[in-house]
Amino acid sequence: MIKEYIKGKLILYVLPIVIILVLALWIINAITIIFVGQSVTDEECKQNQSAVSINVDSKTQEENAKVIYQFLLKNYQATPQGASGVLGNFEQESGINPKSIERQNDPLSGHGIAQWTADRTTLLMNFAKEKGKEWDNLGLQIELLDKELKGSEKNSVQALKATSVDEATIQWQALYERAGTPVLGNRLLFATKWYAKLGSSDPISENTITGAVEGGFEDYNDTCSIESSGNSDSNILESAKKYIGWFHYPNPIAHNLQMIGGDPRKPNKEGETDCSGFIWLALENAGYKVPPNMGWFTGSMTADARGSHEWLNSISDSEAEAGDVVIVNVGQGSGSNGHTAIIAEKWHGDDTKIIQMGGNDSITNESTFGNSFSSLLGSGDICFARPLKK
């Protein structure tokens, strides 16, 4: 009887307590699973959001450059100068060609747009296997660039925020590329070229870059005409003549629109500009193609005339006449190592008349080629160029 009594009491009092405890533990466990699971899911979500998947194949150098440029602006809020500095480095490293290999018989030599070398070559190959893509796929290499900038090379991001093309180029080389022989002059020249091309323009629409990131590169129209006006245009010469006696040559050498008042249609006569800034103004007001905000210098002018033909088309000395441009560079042509002028008559050598900013004066002036370019002619590279109409 006593045992049955105790058993009844246990069932009556203890069992409900046990049930309550079990239910409580189940509820606590369920809550833990929900919140912990949700935490993991949120973290995974963040990781997925930060992981970039880009399906885009290599095309021309300029198309590749535009995809990289827009990627950096969109994903890293890079300045145009910062992104151009990266492109200048990539052009020196690989010609912005993802298939580029430094030495074919050396599997650890530089590979790809950034010429990843040694352990970074191995990283590229392993990353390609992980992603299921070929190592020389442009999209894959941009994904690796993104991975490095978020990890081992995160210090390089500061170069993307630079407000000077030169500063961005130098920083990216030092922080990301770390080249044994930088050949910095080339990098600066190429970066300036890309800034002039892309710095104030919209190289790819938002829809196009979105398509590249999500499902492959979409074609867009960006044809570059190399047709000039046939013969040179007297409008250029007249435009240049208007500014004789105007402006002052800056020290240090520089140019931008603000230095002449900000409006190319109403320049400040007492403003400052240099030789290539003056050429820019004369061509802009004569209706010819020029980069935004005076974004060129003598080195990039020659590079364009002989290469991409955005603004100028190289011609022979026998073709050069009034309204054409003559450019002379020593090395990369920066600073005092380059000079340019408008040709004022049919070219006939050193005695040919020119209109220039600087040279043998500190204002816009008329002179002759031999007098004004004499210091550069011993080792200088002479380029004759015909401007391209808008």
Protein backbone atom coordinates (compact mmCIF):
# COMPACT_ATOMS: atom_id res chain seq x y z
CA MET A 1 0.00 0.00 0.00
CA ILE A 2 2.82 2.41 0.92
CA LYS A 3 4.64 1.76 -2.37
CA GLU A 4 1.50 2.35 -4.34
CA TYR A 5 0.87 5.52 -2.38
CA ILE A 6 4.39 6.85 -3.08
CA LYS A 7 4.11 5.87 -6.74
CA GLY A 8 0.85 7.76 -7.05
CA LYS A 9 2.34 10.86 -5.44
CA LEU A 10 5.33 10.74 -7.82
CA ILE A 11 3.05 10.56 -10.80
CA LEU A 12 0.91 13.33 -9.41
CA TYR A 13 3.69 15.82 -8.50
CA VAL A 14 7.02 14.83 -10.07
CA LEU A 15 5.93 13.84 -13.56
CA PRO A 16 4.45 17.25 -14.42
CA ILE A 17 7.70 18.87 -13.23
CA VAL A 18 9.77 16.56 -15.46
CA ILE A 19 7.50 17.27 -18.41
CA ILE A 20 7.80 21.01 -17.79
CA LEU A 21 11.60 20.74 -17.61
CA VAL A 22 11.76 18.73 -20.85
CA LEU A 23 9.53 21.23 -22.60
CA ALA A 24 11.65 24.08 -21.30
CA LEU A 25 14.85 22.46 -22.55
CA TRP A 26 13.24 21.79 -25.93
CA ILE A 27 12.14 25.40 -26.22
CA ILE A 28 15.59 26.71 -25.25
CA ASN A 29 17.21 24.37 -27.77
CA ALA A 30 14.81 25.42 -30.49
CA ILE A 31 15.46 29.09 -29.80
CA THR A 32 19.22 28.48 -29.85
CA ILE A 33 19.00 26.69 -33.19
CA ILE A 34 16.87 29.42 -34.67
CA PHE A 35 19.10 32.30 -33.60
CA VAL A 36 22.44 30.59 -34.10
CA GLY A 37 21.29 29.26 -37.42
CA GLN A 38 20.07 32.68 -38.41
CA SER A 39 23.41 34.18 -37.40
CA VAL A 40 25.30 31.75 -39.60
CA THR A 41 22.90 32.35 -42.42
CA ASP A 42 23.37 36.12 -42.15
CA GLU A 43 27.14 35.71 -42.16
CA GLU A 44 26.95 33.43 -45.17
CA CYS A 45 24.75 35.98 -46.84
CA LYS A 46 27.31 38.70 -46.22
CA GLN A 47 30.04 36.49 -47.60
CA ASN A 48 27.97 35.73 -50.67
CA GLN A 49 27.30 39.41 -51.18
CA SER A 50 31.00 40.23 -51.00
CA ALA A 51 31.96 37.41 -53.36
CA VAL A 52 32.11 38.75 -56.93
CA SER A 53 31.37 36.49 -59.87
CA ILE A 54 32.27 37.98 -63.23
CA ASN A 55 31.73 36.23 -66.53
CA VAL A 56 33.55 38.23 -69.16
CA ASP A 57 36.03 37.17 -71.82
CA SER A 58 39.01 39.13 -73.05
CA LYS A 59 38.40 41.41 -76.01
CA THR A 60 40.42 44.39 -77.20
CA GLN A 61 42.75 46.24 -74.87
CA GLU A 62 40.34 49.16 -74.64
CA GLU A 63 37.31 46.97 -73.93
CA ASN A 64 39.23 45.11 -71.22
CA ALA A 65 40.36 48.42 -69.72
CA LYS A 66 36.80 49.75 -69.61
CA VAL A 67 35.50 46.68 -67.77
CA ILE A 68 38.28 46.92 -65.15
CA TYR A 69 37.84 50.68 -64.84
CA GLN A 70 34.11 50.47 -64.26
CA PHE A 71 34.53 47.54 -61.86
CA LEU A 72 36.88 49.59 -59.67
CA LEU A 73 34.57 52.61 -59.69
CA LYS A 74 31.48 50.51 -58.94
CA ASN A 75 32.91 48.16 -56.31
CA TYR A 76 35.63 50.24 -54.64
CA GLN A 77 34.40 53.78 -55.25
CA ALA A 78 37.74 54.44 -56.95
CA THR A 79 38.40 57.92 -58.26
CA PRO A 80 38.89 58.18 -62.04
CA GLN A 81 42.53 59.00 -61.29
CA GLY A 82 42.89 55.93 -59.07
CA ALA A 83 41.36 53.56 -61.60
CA SER A 84 43.47 55.06 -64.38
CA GLY A 85 46.60 54.48 -62.29
CA VAL A 86 45.70 50.79 -62.10
CA LEU A 87 45.17 50.62 -65.87
CA GLY A 88 48.51 52.32 -66.51
CA ASN A 89 50.21 49.67 -64.41
CA PHE A 90 48.30 46.82 -66.03
CA GLU A 91 49.21 48.08 -69.50
CA GLN A 92 52.90 48.12 -68.59
CA GLU A 93 52.64 44.67 -67.01
CA SER A 94 50.61 42.85 -69.65
CA GLY A 95 49.11 45.20 -72.20
CA ILE A 96 45.86 44.52 -70.23
CA ASN A 97 45.88 41.06 -71.78
CA PRO A 98 44.76 38.28 -69.40
CA LYS A 99 46.55 35.68 -71.54
CA SER A 100 49.93 37.39 -71.14
CA ILE A 101 52.78 35.24 -69.81
CA GLU A 102 56.19 36.68 -68.95
CA ARG A 103 58.17 33.57 -69.88
CA GLN A 104 56.46 30.66 -71.60
CA ASN A 105 58.80 28.02 -70.14
CA ASP A 106 58.51 29.27 -66.56
CA PRO A 107 55.21 28.30 -64.87
CA LEU A 108 55.87 30.70 -61.98
CA SER A 109 56.73 33.75 -64.07
CA GLY A 110 54.28 36.64 -64.46
CA HIS A 111 50.80 35.64 -65.64
CA GLY A 112 47.70 37.65 -66.49
CA ILE A 113 46.75 41.33 -66.44
CA ALA A 114 48.70 42.03 -63.24
CA GLN A 115 51.51 39.56 -64.06
CA TRP A 116 51.00 37.63 -60.84
CA THR A 117 54.35 36.00 -60.09
CA ALA A 118 55.70 33.09 -57.97
CA ASP A 119 53.34 32.36 -55.06
CA ARG A 120 50.77 34.72 -56.59
CA THR A 121 50.92 32.72 -59.84
CA THR A 122 50.13 29.63 -57.78
CA LEU A 123 47.29 31.55 -56.14
CA LEU A 124 45.92 32.42 -59.60
CA MET A 125 46.03 28.80 -60.76
CA ASN A 126 44.43 27.45 -57.57
CA PHE A 127 41.78 30.15 -57.64
CA ALA A 128 40.93 29.24 -61.23
CA LYS A 129 40.47 25.57 -60.25
CA GLU A 130 38.31 26.57 -57.29
CA LYS A 131 36.12 28.71 -59.54
CA GLY A 132 36.02 26.17 -62.36
CA LYS A 133 37.38 28.66 -64.88
CA GLU A 134 40.47 28.96 -67.07
CA TRP A 135 43.27 30.99 -65.47
CA ASP A 136 43.44 33.33 -68.49
CA ASN A 137 39.77 34.34 -68.29
CA LEU A 138 39.44 38.10 -67.75
CA GLY A 139 36.48 37.74 -65.38
CA LEU A 140 38.38 35.24 -63.26
CA GLN A 141 41.34 37.60 -62.97
CA ILE A 142 39.11 40.50 -61.91
CA GLU A 143 37.64 38.18 -59.28
CA LEU A 144 41.16 37.42 -58.04
CA LEU A 145 41.95 41.14 -57.99
CA ASP A 146 38.83 41.61 -55.83
CA LYS A 147 39.87 38.76 -53.54
CA GLU A 148 43.33 40.23 -53.01
CA LEU A 149 42.04 43.75 -52.41
CA LYS A 150 39.77 42.38 -49.68
CA GLY A 151 42.57 40.31 -48.17
CA SER A 152 46.31 40.11 -48.66
CA GLU A 153 46.56 43.30 -50.76
CA LYS A 154 44.01 45.46 -48.92
CA ASN A 155 46.63 48.19 -48.35
CA SER A 156 46.58 48.79 -52.11
CA VAL A 157 43.03 50.15 -51.91
CA GLN A 158 44.40 53.54 -50.85
CA ALA A 159 45.84 53.97 -54.35
CA LEU A 160 42.29 53.77 -55.73
CA LYS A 161 41.32 56.87 -53.73
CA ALA A 162 44.10 59.09 -55.09
CA THR A 163 43.12 62.37 -56.71
CA SER A 164 46.27 62.56 -58.83
CA VAL A 165 46.94 60.14 -61.70
CA ASP A 166 50.68 60.20 -60.95
CA GLU A 167 50.10 59.52 -57.27
CA ALA A 168 47.72 56.63 -58.02
CA THR A 169 50.12 55.10 -60.53
CA ILE A 170 53.12 55.30 -58.23
CA GLN A 171 51.18 53.97 -55.21
CA TRP A 172 49.68 51.04 -57.12
CA GLN A 173 53.08 50.03 -58.43
CA ALA A 174 54.66 50.21 -54.97
CA LEU A 175 51.80 48.59 -53.03
CA TYR A 176 50.31 46.04 -55.45
CA GLU A 177 52.66 45.32 -58.35
CA ARG A 178 56.02 45.70 -56.59
CA ALA A 179 57.86 45.33 -59.91
CA GLY A 180 61.56 44.59 -59.90
CA THR A 181 62.15 47.15 -62.65
CA PRO A 182 59.14 49.47 -62.56
CA VAL A 183 59.81 51.49 -65.78
CA LEU A 184 57.70 54.11 -64.06
CA GLY A 185 57.76 56.51 -66.99
CA ASN A 186 55.76 54.07 -69.10
CA ARG A 187 53.25 53.48 -66.31
CA LEU A 188 52.69 57.21 -65.88
CA LEU A 189 52.32 57.72 -69.63
CA PHE A 190 49.79 54.89 -69.97
CA ALA A 191 47.83 56.00 -66.89
CA THR A 192 47.58 59.54 -68.23
CA LYS A 193 46.31 58.14 -71.52
CA TRP A 194 43.57 56.12 -69.78
CA TYR A 195 42.56 59.07 -67.64
CA ALA A 196 42.23 61.19 -70.77
CA LYS A 197 40.09 58.48 -72.38
CA LEU A 198 37.90 57.54 -69.43
CA GLY A 199 38.33 60.09 -66.68
CA SER A 200 35.30 62.27 -67.37
CA SER A 201 33.27 59.96 -69.57
CA ASP A 202 30.89 57.06 -69.13
CA PRO A 203 32.81 54.23 -70.83
CA ILE A 204 30.16 51.60 -70.12
CA SER A 205 26.57 52.02 -69.11
CA GLU A 206 25.38 50.67 -65.78
CA ASN A 207 23.39 48.02 -67.62
CA THR A 208 26.45 46.83 -69.49
CA ILE A 209 28.67 46.42 -66.44
CA THR A 210 25.82 44.69 -64.59
CA GLY A 211 25.51 42.30 -67.51
CA ALA A 212 29.23 41.63 -67.38
CA VAL A 213 29.16 40.86 -63.67
CA GLU A 214 26.11 38.65 -63.80
CA GLY A 215 26.11 36.95 -67.14
CA GLY A 216 28.82 37.86 -69.58
CA PHE A 217 30.09 40.94 -71.36
CA GLU A 218 27.61 42.75 -73.58
CA ASP A 219 28.76 44.52 -76.73
CA TYR A 220 28.48 48.27 -76.89
CA ASN A 221 29.27 50.89 -79.49
CA ASP A 222 32.61 52.61 -79.02
CA THR A 223 34.02 52.85 -82.51
CA CYS A 224 37.03 55.08 -82.86
CA SER A 225 37.26 56.83 -86.18
CA ILE A 226 40.75 57.60 -87.43
CA GLU A 227 39.46 59.70 -90.28
CA SER A 228 40.87 63.21 -90.24
CA SER A 229 39.60 66.16 -92.20
CA GLY A 230 41.78 65.10 -95.13
CA ASN A 231 43.78 68.28 -95.27
CA SER A 232 44.36 70.40 -92.20
CA ASP A 233 41.75 72.98 -91.25
CA SER A 234 42.38 76.73 -91.36
CA ASN A 235 39.91 77.04 -88.45
CA ILE A 236 42.57 75.58 -86.16
CA LEU A 237 45.12 78.17 -87.21
CA GLU A 238 42.61 80.99 -86.77
CA SER A 239 41.63 79.64 -83.35
CA ALA A 240 45.29 79.55 -82.30
CA LYS A 241 46.03 83.06 -83.59
CA LYS A 242 43.29 84.55 -81.38
CA TYR A 243 45.37 83.79 -78.30
CA ILE A 244 48.69 85.30 -79.37
CA GLY A 245 49.86 87.49 -76.47
CA TRP A 246 47.51 85.71 -74.04
CA PHE A 247 48.16 83.65 -70.91
CA HIS A 248 51.27 83.11 -68.83
CA TYR A 249 53.45 80.02 -68.70
CA PRO A 250 53.05 78.32 -65.28
CA ASN A 251 55.83 77.28 -62.96
CA PRO A 252 55.75 74.40 -62.22
CA ILE A 253 54.50 73.26 -65.63
CA ALA A 254 50.81 72.33 -65.47
CA HIS A 255 47.43 72.94 -67.06
CA ASN A 256 43.73 72.55 -66.39
CA LEU A 257 40.60 74.50 -67.24
CA GLN A 258 40.49 76.31 -63.91
CA MET A 259 43.88 77.85 -64.60
CA ILE A 260 42.36 79.76 -67.54
CA GLY A 261 39.07 80.57 -65.85
CA GLY A 262 37.13 77.32 -66.19
CA ASP A 263 35.30 78.07 -69.46
CA PRO A 264 37.09 77.23 -72.74
CA ARG A 265 34.71 79.56 -74.60
CA LYS A 266 35.60 82.50 -72.36
CA PRO A 267 39.20 81.93 -71.22
CA ASN A 268 40.91 84.39 -68.91
CA LYS A 269 43.55 86.29 -70.88
CA GLU A 270 45.68 86.56 -67.73
CA GLY A 271 45.33 82.88 -66.88
CA GLU A 272 48.06 80.25 -66.95
CA THR A 273 48.57 77.28 -69.25
CA ASP A 274 51.40 75.34 -70.86
CA CYS A 275 52.08 74.24 -74.44
CA SER A 276 49.74 71.22 -74.55
CA GLY A 277 47.05 73.14 -72.66
CA PHE A 278 47.16 75.84 -75.36
CA ILE A 279 46.87 73.23 -78.15
CA TRP A 280 43.88 71.74 -76.32
CA LEU A 281 42.16 75.14 -76.17
CA ALA A 282 42.80 75.94 -79.84
CA LEU A 283 41.44 72.56 -80.98
CA GLU A 284 38.46 72.63 -78.63
CA ASN A 285 37.35 76.01 -79.95
CA ALA A 286 37.90 74.95 -83.58
CA GLY A 287 35.55 71.96 -83.19
CA TYR A 288 38.07 69.12 -82.84
CA LYS A 289 38.25 66.14 -80.52
CA VAL A 290 40.14 66.67 -77.27
CA PRO A 291 40.21 64.79 -73.94
CA PRO A 292 38.11 66.15 -71.05
CA ASN A 293 39.57 68.86 -68.82
CA MET A 294 42.83 69.20 -70.79
CA GLY A 295 43.64 65.59 -69.94
CA TRP A 296 46.78 65.15 -72.03
CA PHE A 297 50.45 66.11 -72.24
CA THR A 298 52.99 65.85 -75.05
CA GLY A 299 53.82 62.21 -74.30
CA SER A 300 50.20 61.06 -74.38
CA MET A 301 49.51 63.20 -77.48
CA THR A 302 52.20 61.33 -79.41
CA ALA A 303 51.02 57.98 -78.04
CA ASP A 304 47.49 58.75 -79.21
CA ALA A 305 48.55 59.97 -82.65
CA ARG A 306 50.49 56.76 -83.28
CA GLY A 307 48.19 54.40 -81.44
CA SER A 308 44.57 54.78 -80.40
CA HIS A 309 43.69 57.85 -82.52
CA GLU A 310 41.19 59.33 -80.09
CA TRP A 311 42.17 62.91 -80.91
CA LEU A 312 45.10 62.90 -83.34
CA ASN A 313 46.28 60.93 -86.34
CA SER A 314 49.99 60.67 -87.13
CA ILE A 315 51.05 62.03 -90.53
CA SER A 316 54.36 62.39 -92.35
CA ASP A 317 56.35 65.62 -92.47
CA SER A 318 55.57 65.90 -96.18
CA GLU A 319 51.85 66.00 -95.36
CA ALA A 320 52.12 68.51 -92.51
CA GLU A 321 50.68 71.96 -93.16
CA ALA A 322 48.92 74.90 -91.51
CA GLY A 323 46.61 73.73 -88.73
CA ASP A 324 48.46 70.48 -88.04
CA VAL A 325 50.32 69.83 -84.78
CA VAL A 326 54.01 69.12 -84.22
CA ILE A 327 55.11 67.35 -81.01
CA VAL A 328 58.65 66.61 -79.84
CA ASN A 329 59.43 64.41 -76.83
CA VAL A 330 62.61 63.31 -75.12
CA GLY A 331 61.86 60.03 -73.33
CA GLN A 332 58.29 60.14 -72.04
CA GLY A 333 57.96 63.84 -72.76
CA SER A 334 56.84 64.97 -69.33
CA GLY A 335 57.64 68.44 -68.02
CA SER A 336 60.39 70.23 -69.92
CA ASN A 337 61.16 67.08 -71.94
CA GLY A 338 58.31 67.76 -74.35
CA HIS A 339 56.93 70.63 -76.42
CA THR A 340 54.15 71.06 -78.97
CA ALA A 341 52.86 73.77 -81.31
CA ILE A 342 50.41 74.52 -84.13
CA ILE A 343 52.04 74.58 -87.57
CA ALA A 344 51.27 77.90 -89.29
CA GLU A 345 52.24 77.04 -92.89
CA LYS A 346 53.26 74.17 -95.16
CA TRP A 347 56.03 72.26 -93.40
CA HIS A 348 59.52 73.00 -94.74
CA GLY A 349 61.86 72.18 -91.88
CA ASP A 350 63.33 74.27 -89.08
CA ASP A 351 62.20 77.58 -90.60
CA THR A 352 58.53 76.58 -90.58
CA LYS A 353 56.37 79.10 -88.72
CA ILE A 354 54.49 77.91 -85.66
CA ILE A 355 52.14 79.24 -82.98
CA GLN A 356 52.91 78.06 -79.48
CA MET A 357 52.61 78.64 -75.76
CA GLY A 358 56.04 79.04 -74.21
CA GLY A 359 59.00 77.83 -76.22
CA ASN A 360 61.21 80.90 -76.33
CA ASP A 361 58.67 83.15 -74.60
CA SER A 362 56.39 83.04 -71.55
CA ILE A 363 53.17 83.88 -73.43
CA THR A 364 51.40 82.58 -76.54
CA ASN A 365 53.59 83.60 -79.46
CA GLU A 366 54.62 83.11 -83.07
CA SER A 367 58.04 81.68 -83.81
CA THR A 368 59.78 79.08 -85.97
CA PHE A 369 60.20 75.40 -85.26
CA GLY A 370 63.99 75.51 -85.13
CA ASN A 371 64.13 78.39 -82.65
CA SER A 372 61.56 77.01 -80.26
CA PHE A 373 62.33 73.27 -80.31
CA SER A 374 66.12 73.49 -80.52
CA SER A 375 66.78 72.12 -77.01
CA LEU A 376 64.84 68.93 -77.81
CA LEU A 377 65.98 68.19 -81.34
CA GLY A 378 69.25 66.43 -80.55
CA SER A 379 67.61 63.37 -78.99
CA GLY A 380 63.92 64.20 -79.38
CA ASP A 381 61.25 62.18 -81.16
CA ILE A 382 59.32 64.34 -83.67
CA CYS A 383 55.68 63.52 -84.33
CA PHE A 384 53.45 65.31 -86.83
CA ALA A 385 49.75 64.91 -86.14
CA ARG A 386 46.45 65.91 -87.72
CA PRO A 387 43.57 66.66 -85.33
CA LEU A 388 40.33 64.69 -85.68
CA LYS A 389 37.01 66.46 -86.04
CA LYS A 390 34.25 65.97 -83.47
